[in-house]
Amino acid sequence: MESVKIAILEDHSVVTEGIISILKSNPFFSLAGEFRTAADLFQFIESNPIDLLVLDIDLPDRNGIDVLREIKEKHQPTKVIIFSLHGSRVYVEDALKSKADGYMLKSDPISKLPEVIQLVMKGGSFVSDGVSKVQLPFSPFQMEILNLLVQGLSQNEVADRIQKSRKTVEYHLNQMRTKFSCKNNNELISKYEKEIQK
């Protein structure tokens, strides 16, 4: 059996090291490269095809779902496993609509990763049991805005990051505040952390 060439796109070194450690324990896996930014990954795979990508959603330069879509558009044979903190159903549905082959939570045992890789390489799909079964009333775009606020960005910084106008960001934040009866963004973030992001 030919080894599976695997790349990792993850900006937290501790997480990357854990993934590498488990991959090295399997002789059928070959680490093609580890990357912190989407730009570095795409530069690499233009001349170095990979079989599978382990992909985080929260990246310094791009949203992981956007990376997934580009991979599937330009590098179709490549399998993609999302490896994320986000267990909310809205994230998973967006990833699956964008043709992710697997969705694994960082709270899952890392020892499960080889099994998931083997499954998707055989044409199967995987979604973590830890994924919330509750459908959230927020769109993936709204969740991206909210997640950036949680990370500490201001509204203006969020607008710059997602390349949308301040008015667009405020419009969506107002919709979210209304849905959850929040007076301001701080209340919205607090409610998100307590009730949604679990």
C-alpha atoms as a PDB file:
ATOM      1  CA  MET A   1       0.000   0.000   0.000  1.00  0.00           C
ATOM      2  CA  GLU A   2       1.367   3.393  -1.045  1.00  0.00           C
ATOM      3  CA  SER A   3       1.736   5.879   1.800  1.00  0.00           C
ATOM      4  CA  VAL A   4      -0.815   8.682   2.145  1.00  0.00           C
ATOM      5  CA  LYS A   5       0.813  12.106   1.673  1.00  0.00           C
ATOM      6  CA  ILE A   6      -0.638  14.371   4.357  1.00  0.00           C
ATOM      7  CA  ALA A   7      -0.327  18.125   4.928  1.00  0.00           C
ATOM      8  CA  ILE A   8      -1.390  20.025   8.045  1.00  0.00           C
ATOM      9  CA  LEU A   9      -2.719  23.598   8.030  1.00  0.00           C
ATOM     10  CA  GLU A  10      -2.890  24.699  11.672  1.00  0.00           C
ATOM     11  CA  ASP A  11      -1.482  27.814  13.337  1.00  0.00           C
ATOM     12  CA  HIS A  12      -1.066  26.367  16.843  1.00  0.00           C
ATOM     13  CA  SER A  13       2.225  24.498  17.146  1.00  0.00           C
ATOM     14  CA  VAL A  14       1.076  22.354  20.091  1.00  0.00           C
ATOM     15  CA  VAL A  15      -1.839  21.017  18.032  1.00  0.00           C
ATOM     16  CA  THR A  16       0.410  20.453  15.013  1.00  0.00           C
ATOM     17  CA  GLU A  17       2.918  18.527  17.124  1.00  0.00           C
ATOM     18  CA  GLY A  18       0.149  16.274  18.433  1.00  0.00           C
ATOM     19  CA  ILE A  19      -1.037  15.511  14.907  1.00  0.00           C
ATOM     20  CA  ILE A  20       2.515  14.833  13.686  1.00  0.00           C
ATOM     21  CA  SER A  21       3.156  12.504  16.612  1.00  0.00           C
ATOM     22  CA  ILE A  22       0.134  10.357  15.819  1.00  0.00           C
ATOM     23  CA  LEU A  23       0.875  10.333  12.072  1.00  0.00           C
ATOM     24  CA  LYS A  24       4.440   9.153  12.651  1.00  0.00           C
ATOM     25  CA  SER A  25       3.119   6.129  14.516  1.00  0.00           C
ATOM     26  CA  ASN A  26       1.522   4.839  11.310  1.00  0.00           C
ATOM     27  CA  PRO A  27       3.846   3.567   8.532  1.00  0.00           C
ATOM     28  CA  PHE A  28       1.196   4.217   5.876  1.00  0.00           C
ATOM     29  CA  PHE A  29       1.176   7.974   6.509  1.00  0.00           C
ATOM     30  CA  SER A  30       3.767  10.376   5.103  1.00  0.00           C
ATOM     31  CA  LEU A  31       3.971  13.977   6.337  1.00  0.00           C
ATOM     32  CA  ALA A  32       4.238  16.171   3.229  1.00  0.00           C
ATOM     33  CA  GLY A  33       4.374  19.435   5.170  1.00  0.00           C
ATOM     34  CA  GLU A  34       3.040  21.528   8.041  1.00  0.00           C
ATOM     35  CA  PHE A  35       1.830  25.081   7.462  1.00  0.00           C
ATOM     36  CA  ARG A  36       0.601  28.001   9.566  1.00  0.00           C
ATOM     37  CA  THR A  37      -0.957  30.038   6.750  1.00  0.00           C
ATOM     38  CA  ALA A  38      -3.103  29.221   3.728  1.00  0.00           C
ATOM     39  CA  ALA A  39      -0.730  31.160   1.480  1.00  0.00           C
ATOM     40  CA  ASP A  40       2.177  28.881   2.405  1.00  0.00           C
ATOM     41  CA  LEU A  41       0.074  25.769   1.864  1.00  0.00           C
ATOM     42  CA  PHE A  42      -1.130  26.755  -1.606  1.00  0.00           C
ATOM     43  CA  GLN A  43       2.369  27.748  -2.669  1.00  0.00           C
ATOM     44  CA  PHE A  44       3.576  24.292  -1.643  1.00  0.00           C
ATOM     45  CA  ILE A  45       0.846  22.149  -3.204  1.00  0.00           C
ATOM     46  CA  GLU A  46       1.104  23.868  -6.585  1.00  0.00           C
ATOM     47  CA  SER A  47       4.193  21.732  -7.198  1.00  0.00           C
ATOM     48  CA  ASN A  48       3.786  19.076  -4.477  1.00  0.00           C
ATOM     49  CA  PRO A  49       0.429  17.263  -4.724  1.00  0.00           C
ATOM     50  CA  ILE A  50      -0.953  15.832  -1.484  1.00  0.00           C
ATOM     51  CA  ASP A  51      -3.513  13.130  -0.785  1.00  0.00           C
ATOM     52  CA  LEU A  52      -5.059  14.600   2.341  1.00  0.00           C
ATOM     53  CA  LEU A  53      -5.180  17.879   4.267  1.00  0.00           C
ATOM     54  CA  VAL A  54      -5.862  18.220   8.001  1.00  0.00           C
ATOM     55  CA  LEU A  55      -7.360  21.713   8.184  1.00  0.00           C
ATOM     56  CA  ASP A  56      -8.227  24.097  11.018  1.00  0.00           C
ATOM     57  CA  ILE A  57     -11.012  26.664  10.518  1.00  0.00           C
ATOM     58  CA  ASP A  58      -9.434  29.571  12.427  1.00  0.00           C
ATOM     59  CA  LEU A  59      -6.360  30.680  10.494  1.00  0.00           C
ATOM     60  CA  PRO A  60      -4.344  33.914  10.574  1.00  0.00           C
ATOM     61  CA  ASP A  61      -4.824  34.797   6.908  1.00  0.00           C
ATOM     62  CA  ARG A  62      -8.003  33.062   5.733  1.00  0.00           C
ATOM     63  CA  ASN A  63     -11.103  31.252   6.905  1.00  0.00           C
ATOM     64  CA  GLY A  64     -10.595  27.490   6.788  1.00  0.00           C
ATOM     65  CA  ILE A  65     -13.885  26.905   4.965  1.00  0.00           C
ATOM     66  CA  ASP A  66     -12.683  29.183   2.150  1.00  0.00           C
ATOM     67  CA  VAL A  67      -9.466  27.158   1.995  1.00  0.00           C
ATOM     68  CA  LEU A  68     -11.541  23.974   1.808  1.00  0.00           C
ATOM     69  CA  ARG A  69     -13.567  25.327  -1.125  1.00  0.00           C
ATOM     70  CA  GLU A  70     -10.440  26.312  -3.044  1.00  0.00           C
ATOM     71  CA  ILE A  71      -8.830  22.930  -2.416  1.00  0.00           C
ATOM     72  CA  LYS A  72     -11.906  21.136  -3.731  1.00  0.00           C
ATOM     73  CA  GLU A  73     -12.112  23.446  -6.746  1.00  0.00           C
ATOM     74  CA  LYS A  74      -8.449  23.376  -7.788  1.00  0.00           C
ATOM     75  CA  HIS A  75      -7.138  20.140  -6.261  1.00  0.00           C
ATOM     76  CA  GLN A  76     -10.187  17.865  -6.468  1.00  0.00           C
ATOM     77  CA  PRO A  77      -8.602  14.492  -5.604  1.00  0.00           C
ATOM     78  CA  THR A  78      -7.331  15.872  -2.275  1.00  0.00           C
ATOM     79  CA  LYS A  79      -9.289  14.689   0.761  1.00  0.00           C
ATOM     80  CA  VAL A  80      -9.884  17.244   3.535  1.00  0.00           C
ATOM     81  CA  ILE A  81     -10.520  16.613   7.224  1.00  0.00           C
ATOM     82  CA  ILE A  82     -11.572  19.662   9.226  1.00  0.00           C
ATOM     83  CA  PHE A  83      -9.937  19.584  12.669  1.00  0.00           C
ATOM     84  CA  SER A  84     -11.573  22.297  14.738  1.00  0.00           C
ATOM     85  CA  LEU A  85     -12.649  23.552  18.151  1.00  0.00           C
ATOM     86  CA  HIS A  86     -16.064  24.439  16.738  1.00  0.00           C
ATOM     87  CA  GLY A  87     -18.727  21.844  17.437  1.00  0.00           C
ATOM     88  CA  SER A  88     -21.677  24.012  16.428  1.00  0.00           C
ATOM     89  CA  ARG A  89     -23.855  22.437  13.758  1.00  0.00           C
ATOM     90  CA  VAL A  90     -23.666  25.520  11.546  1.00  0.00           C
ATOM     91  CA  TYR A  91     -19.910  25.072  11.068  1.00  0.00           C
ATOM     92  CA  VAL A  92     -20.257  21.394  10.225  1.00  0.00           C
ATOM     93  CA  GLU A  93     -23.062  21.938   7.734  1.00  0.00           C
ATOM     94  CA  ASP A  94     -21.062  24.655   5.998  1.00  0.00           C
ATOM     95  CA  ALA A  95     -18.010  22.378   5.839  1.00  0.00           C
ATOM     96  CA  LEU A  96     -19.982  19.430   4.462  1.00  0.00           C
ATOM     97  CA  LYS A  97     -21.694  21.626   1.862  1.00  0.00           C
ATOM     98  CA  SER A  98     -18.200  22.689   0.831  1.00  0.00           C
ATOM     99  CA  LYS A  99     -17.300  18.992   0.337  1.00  0.00           C
ATOM    100  CA  ALA A 100     -15.260  18.305   3.472  1.00  0.00           C
ATOM    101  CA  ASP A 101     -14.588  14.574   3.775  1.00  0.00           C
ATOM    102  CA  GLY A 102     -14.459  14.602   7.562  1.00  0.00           C
ATOM    103  CA  TYR A 103     -15.121  16.864  10.544  1.00  0.00           C
ATOM    104  CA  MET A 104     -13.201  16.045  13.708  1.00  0.00           C
ATOM    105  CA  LEU A 105     -13.224  18.063  16.926  1.00  0.00           C
ATOM    106  CA  LYS A 106     -10.042  18.953  18.782  1.00  0.00           C
ATOM    107  CA  SER A 107     -11.759  17.596  21.886  1.00  0.00           C
ATOM    108  CA  ASP A 108     -11.878  14.133  20.266  1.00  0.00           C
ATOM    109  CA  PRO A 109      -9.057  11.726  21.184  1.00  0.00           C
ATOM    110  CA  ILE A 110      -6.188  12.444  18.785  1.00  0.00           C
ATOM    111  CA  SER A 111      -5.660   8.680  18.596  1.00  0.00           C
ATOM    112  CA  LYS A 112      -8.844   8.525  16.486  1.00  0.00           C
ATOM    113  CA  LEU A 113      -7.263  10.523  13.642  1.00  0.00           C
ATOM    114  CA  PRO A 114      -5.601   7.567  11.812  1.00  0.00           C
ATOM    115  CA  GLU A 115      -8.944   5.742  11.735  1.00  0.00           C
ATOM    116  CA  VAL A 116     -10.666   8.834  10.309  1.00  0.00           C
ATOM    117  CA  ILE A 117      -7.925   9.287   7.689  1.00  0.00           C
ATOM    118  CA  GLN A 118      -8.237   5.667   6.569  1.00  0.00           C
ATOM    119  CA  LEU A 119     -12.019   6.014   6.375  1.00  0.00           C
ATOM    120  CA  VAL A 120     -12.013   9.102   4.149  1.00  0.00           C
ATOM    121  CA  MET A 121      -9.218   7.737   1.945  1.00  0.00           C
ATOM    122  CA  LYS A 122     -11.535   4.793   1.191  1.00  0.00           C
ATOM    123  CA  GLY A 123     -14.265   7.204   0.121  1.00  0.00           C
ATOM    124  CA  GLY A 124     -16.110   7.376   3.427  1.00  0.00           C
ATOM    125  CA  SER A 125     -17.027  10.417   5.502  1.00  0.00           C
ATOM    126  CA  PHE A 126     -16.813  11.217   9.210  1.00  0.00           C
ATOM    127  CA  VAL A 127     -18.512  13.671  11.565  1.00  0.00           C
ATOM    128  CA  SER A 128     -17.551  13.760  15.246  1.00  0.00           C
ATOM    129  CA  ASP A 129     -20.116  12.533  17.774  1.00  0.00           C
ATOM    130  CA  GLY A 130     -19.386  15.705  19.740  1.00  0.00           C
ATOM    131  CA  VAL A 131     -20.986  17.955  17.136  1.00  0.00           C
ATOM    132  CA  SER A 132     -24.000  19.814  18.490  1.00  0.00           C
ATOM    133  CA  LYS A 133     -27.317  18.503  17.171  1.00  0.00           C
ATOM    134  CA  VAL A 134     -28.915  21.913  17.689  1.00  0.00           C
ATOM    135  CA  GLN A 135     -29.281  24.071  14.597  1.00  0.00           C
ATOM    136  CA  LEU A 136     -28.216  27.628  15.346  1.00  0.00           C
ATOM    137  CA  PRO A 137     -30.134  30.585  13.937  1.00  0.00           C
ATOM    138  CA  PHE A 138     -26.917  32.141  12.596  1.00  0.00           C
ATOM    139  CA  SER A 139     -25.493  31.816   9.107  1.00  0.00           C
ATOM    140  CA  PRO A 140     -21.871  30.694   8.594  1.00  0.00           C
ATOM    141  CA  PHE A 141     -21.016  34.287   7.629  1.00  0.00           C
ATOM    142  CA  GLN A 142     -22.509  35.594  10.883  1.00  0.00           C
ATOM    143  CA  MET A 143     -20.646  32.930  12.839  1.00  0.00           C
ATOM    144  CA  GLU A 144     -17.402  34.070  11.209  1.00  0.00           C
ATOM    145  CA  ILE A 145     -18.073  37.669  12.334  1.00  0.00           C
ATOM    146  CA  LEU A 146     -18.950  36.550  15.857  1.00  0.00           C
ATOM    147  CA  ASN A 147     -15.916  34.291  16.141  1.00  0.00           C
ATOM    148  CA  LEU A 148     -13.597  37.162  15.179  1.00  0.00           C
ATOM    149  CA  LEU A 149     -15.186  39.339  17.874  1.00  0.00           C
ATOM    150  CA  VAL A 150     -14.612  36.549  20.395  1.00  0.00           C
ATOM    151  CA  GLN A 151     -10.947  36.544  19.359  1.00  0.00           C
ATOM    152  CA  GLY A 152     -10.760  40.207  20.418  1.00  0.00           C
ATOM    153  CA  LEU A 153     -11.066  42.060  17.117  1.00  0.00           C
ATOM    154  CA  SER A 154     -13.025  45.310  17.003  1.00  0.00           C
ATOM    155  CA  GLN A 155     -15.947  45.765  14.596  1.00  0.00           C
ATOM    156  CA  ASN A 156     -13.734  47.783  12.254  1.00  0.00           C
ATOM    157  CA  GLU A 157     -11.010  45.133  12.387  1.00  0.00           C
ATOM    158  CA  VAL A 158     -13.585  42.434  11.638  1.00  0.00           C
ATOM    159  CA  ALA A 159     -14.761  44.388   8.583  1.00  0.00           C
ATOM    160  CA  ASP A 160     -11.179  44.714   7.355  1.00  0.00           C
ATOM    161  CA  ARG A 161     -10.449  41.014   7.938  1.00  0.00           C
ATOM    162  CA  ILE A 162     -13.478  39.727   6.020  1.00  0.00           C
ATOM    163  CA  GLN A 163     -13.240  42.532   3.433  1.00  0.00           C
ATOM    164  CA  LYS A 164     -16.772  43.822   3.962  1.00  0.00           C
ATOM    165  CA  SER A 165     -18.073  47.272   4.844  1.00  0.00           C
ATOM    166  CA  ARG A 166     -18.556  48.380   8.452  1.00  0.00           C
ATOM    167  CA  LYS A 167     -22.279  48.748   7.700  1.00  0.00           C
ATOM    168  CA  THR A 168     -22.506  45.116   6.581  1.00  0.00           C
ATOM    169  CA  VAL A 169     -20.829  43.908   9.772  1.00  0.00           C
ATOM    170  CA  GLU A 170     -23.073  46.095  11.927  1.00  0.00           C
ATOM    171  CA  TYR A 171     -26.173  44.860  10.084  1.00  0.00           C
ATOM    172  CA  HIS A 172     -25.365  41.217  10.812  1.00  0.00           C
ATOM    173  CA  LEU A 173     -24.366  41.932  14.402  1.00  0.00           C
ATOM    174  CA  ASN A 174     -27.663  43.725  14.913  1.00  0.00           C
ATOM    175  CA  GLN A 175     -29.508  40.668  13.582  1.00  0.00           C
ATOM    176  CA  MET A 176     -27.637  38.409  16.000  1.00  0.00           C
ATOM    177  CA  ARG A 177     -28.187  40.735  18.968  1.00  0.00           C
ATOM    178  CA  THR A 178     -31.904  40.835  18.185  1.00  0.00           C
ATOM    179  CA  LYS A 179     -32.209  37.047  17.922  1.00  0.00           C
ATOM    180  CA  PHE A 180     -30.573  36.569  21.321  1.00  0.00           C
ATOM    181  CA  SER A 181     -32.054  39.651  23.002  1.00  0.00           C
ATOM    182  CA  CYS A 182     -28.647  41.228  23.613  1.00  0.00           C
ATOM    183  CA  LYS A 183     -28.176  44.961  24.135  1.00  0.00           C
ATOM    184  CA  ASN A 184     -24.576  45.072  22.911  1.00  0.00           C
ATOM    185  CA  ASN A 185     -21.739  43.004  21.474  1.00  0.00           C
ATOM    186  CA  ASN A 186     -20.325  42.153  24.898  1.00  0.00           C
ATOM    187  CA  GLU A 187     -23.626  40.532  25.883  1.00  0.00           C
ATOM    188  CA  LEU A 188     -23.707  38.682  22.570  1.00  0.00           C
ATOM    189  CA  ILE A 189     -20.172  37.349  23.055  1.00  0.00           C
ATOM    190  CA  SER A 190     -20.967  36.286  26.622  1.00  0.00           C
ATOM    191  CA  LYS A 191     -24.105  34.449  25.524  1.00  0.00           C
ATOM    192  CA  TYR A 192     -22.210  32.817  22.657  1.00  0.00           C
ATOM    193  CA  GLU A 193     -19.498  31.511  24.967  1.00  0.00           C
ATOM    194  CA  LYS A 194     -21.969  30.226  27.575  1.00  0.00           C
ATOM    195  CA  GLU A 195     -24.778  28.784  25.482  1.00  0.00           C
ATOM    196  CA  ILE A 196     -23.710  28.345  21.873  1.00  0.00           C
ATOM    197  CA  GLN A 197     -20.055  27.383  21.820  1.00  0.00           C
ATOM    198  CA  LYS A 198     -20.438  24.181  23.806  1.00  0.00           C
END
